[in-house]
Amino acid sequence: MATEEITNQEATVKSRCSSCWGQGIRQGSDGTQGFICRYCRGLGYVEIKYIPFERLIRVEGVQEVLGRFDSFSTVGEVDKVTYTEYFEQGKIPRISEEKRGLNKAMGEAGDDQ
């Protein structure tokens, strides 16, 4: 299999400071003085660095994808798809409603919608 090239080029975006709402200052209690915002340092914005998403990155060795968020939950039925279906076709298994399964296992009323 050919090596998949993923660009790890970091990008930056300016986002309005959520502390001072883009004003760059915080107003004092008497309203006559302003103080430099400690989060944006008076700029009114903060820079957010991130790596843009291009596509999924292949994980070697995985054969199936389960419809739950971790490997510890074992209650209830679990939907699953092959890794090929997931990676190449974008098929995502239905997420298990494990709380409902736990309620049923314990004999409690669950939401059966």
Protein backbone atom coordinates (compact mmCIF):
# COMPACT_ATOMS: atom_id res chain seq x y z
CA MET A 1 0.00 0.00 0.00
CA ALA A 2 1.26 3.47 -0.85
CA THR A 3 2.07 5.84 1.97
CA GLU A 4 -0.75 8.30 2.54
CA GLU A 5 0.39 11.89 2.55
CA ILE A 6 -1.30 14.07 5.13
CA THR A 7 -0.32 17.71 5.36
CA ASN A 8 0.48 18.71 8.90
CA GLN A 9 0.67 22.38 7.98
CA GLU A 10 -0.47 24.42 10.95
CA ALA A 11 -2.94 27.23 10.28
CA THR A 12 -3.83 30.23 12.41
CA VAL A 13 -7.10 32.11 12.73
CA LYS A 14 -7.89 35.24 14.72
CA SER A 15 -10.87 34.81 17.04
CA ARG A 16 -12.60 37.57 18.99
CA CYS A 17 -11.52 37.44 22.62
CA SER A 18 -14.30 35.86 24.66
CA SER A 19 -13.15 37.64 27.83
CA CYS A 20 -13.40 41.26 26.64
CA TRP A 21 -15.70 40.63 23.64
CA GLY A 22 -13.17 42.18 21.26
CA GLN A 23 -12.80 45.47 23.13
CA GLY A 24 -9.24 44.83 24.29
CA ILE A 25 -10.01 46.28 27.71
CA ARG A 26 -12.12 45.46 30.75
CA GLN A 27 -14.04 48.32 32.32
CA GLY A 28 -13.35 49.10 35.97
CA SER A 29 -16.07 49.05 38.62
CA ASP A 30 -16.69 52.80 38.48
CA GLY A 31 -16.88 52.75 34.67
CA THR A 32 -14.34 55.54 34.17
CA GLN A 33 -11.23 53.40 33.84
CA GLY A 34 -10.33 50.60 31.48
CA PHE A 35 -7.80 47.86 32.10
CA ILE A 36 -5.94 45.84 29.50
CA CYS A 37 -7.57 42.42 29.01
CA ARG A 38 -5.32 39.76 30.49
CA TYR A 39 -6.31 37.14 27.87
CA CYS A 40 -5.78 39.02 24.61
CA ARG A 41 -3.29 41.52 26.03
CA GLY A 42 -5.32 44.46 24.65
CA LEU A 43 -5.59 43.20 21.07
CA GLY A 44 -9.29 42.25 21.18
CA TYR A 45 -8.54 38.87 19.59
CA VAL A 46 -6.64 35.69 20.29
CA GLU A 47 -4.88 33.55 17.72
CA ILE A 48 -5.97 29.93 17.53
CA LYS A 49 -3.52 27.50 15.94
CA TYR A 50 -4.79 24.27 14.45
CA ILE A 51 -4.10 21.67 11.78
CA PRO A 52 -6.91 21.65 9.17
CA PHE A 53 -8.74 18.34 8.70
CA GLU A 54 -8.15 16.80 5.27
CA ARG A 55 -9.39 13.24 5.68
CA LEU A 56 -9.29 10.29 8.06
CA ILE A 57 -5.88 8.82 8.77
CA ARG A 58 -5.69 5.04 8.33
CA VAL A 59 -5.10 2.95 11.44
CA GLU A 60 -3.21 -0.26 10.67
CA GLY A 61 -4.44 -3.48 12.25
CA VAL A 62 -8.07 -2.44 12.93
CA GLN A 63 -10.53 -4.88 11.34
CA GLU A 64 -13.90 -3.65 12.62
CA VAL A 65 -15.38 -0.47 14.10
CA LEU A 66 -17.87 -0.79 16.96
CA GLY A 67 -20.73 1.59 17.69
CA ARG A 68 -19.56 2.65 21.12
CA PHE A 69 -17.09 5.17 22.48
CA ASP A 70 -14.68 2.94 24.39
CA SER A 71 -13.53 -0.64 24.79
CA PHE A 72 -14.84 -1.02 28.36
CA SER A 73 -18.61 -0.86 27.75
CA THR A 74 -20.09 -4.29 27.18
CA VAL A 75 -23.79 -3.80 27.94
CA GLY A 76 -26.36 -4.11 25.16
CA GLU A 77 -26.14 -4.96 21.49
CA VAL A 78 -23.43 -3.22 19.51
CA ASP A 79 -23.63 -2.32 15.84
CA LYS A 80 -20.39 -2.76 13.90
CA VAL A 81 -18.97 -2.28 10.41
CA THR A 82 -15.76 -3.48 8.81
CA TYR A 83 -12.85 -1.06 8.86
CA THR A 84 -12.93 -0.98 5.05
CA GLU A 85 -16.59 0.12 5.12
CA TYR A 86 -15.75 2.79 7.68
CA PHE A 87 -12.54 4.11 6.12
CA GLU A 88 -13.28 3.82 2.39
CA GLN A 89 -17.09 4.19 2.29
CA GLY A 90 -17.66 6.48 5.26
CA LYS A 91 -20.09 4.08 6.93
CA ILE A 92 -20.40 4.74 10.67
CA PRO A 93 -21.98 2.15 12.98
CA ARG A 94 -25.06 3.13 14.96
CA ILE A 95 -23.96 4.25 18.42
CA SER A 96 -25.22 1.93 21.17
CA GLU A 97 -27.57 3.36 23.73
CA GLU A 98 -25.76 1.57 26.52
CA LYS A 99 -27.69 3.29 29.31
CA ARG A 100 -30.91 1.82 27.92
CA GLY A 101 -29.27 -1.61 27.75
CA LEU A 102 -28.08 -1.30 31.34
CA ASN A 103 -31.56 -0.29 32.52
CA LYS A 104 -33.08 -3.32 30.78
CA ALA A 105 -30.42 -5.64 32.21
CA MET A 106 -31.21 -4.36 35.71
CA GLY A 107 -34.98 -4.74 35.20
CA GLU A 108 -35.64 -1.00 35.29
CA ALA A 109 -37.87 0.88 32.87
CA GLY A 110 -35.94 2.26 29.91
CA ASP A 111 -36.73 4.63 27.08
CA ASP A 112 -37.88 2.29 24.28
CA GLN A 113 -38.31 4.84 21.53
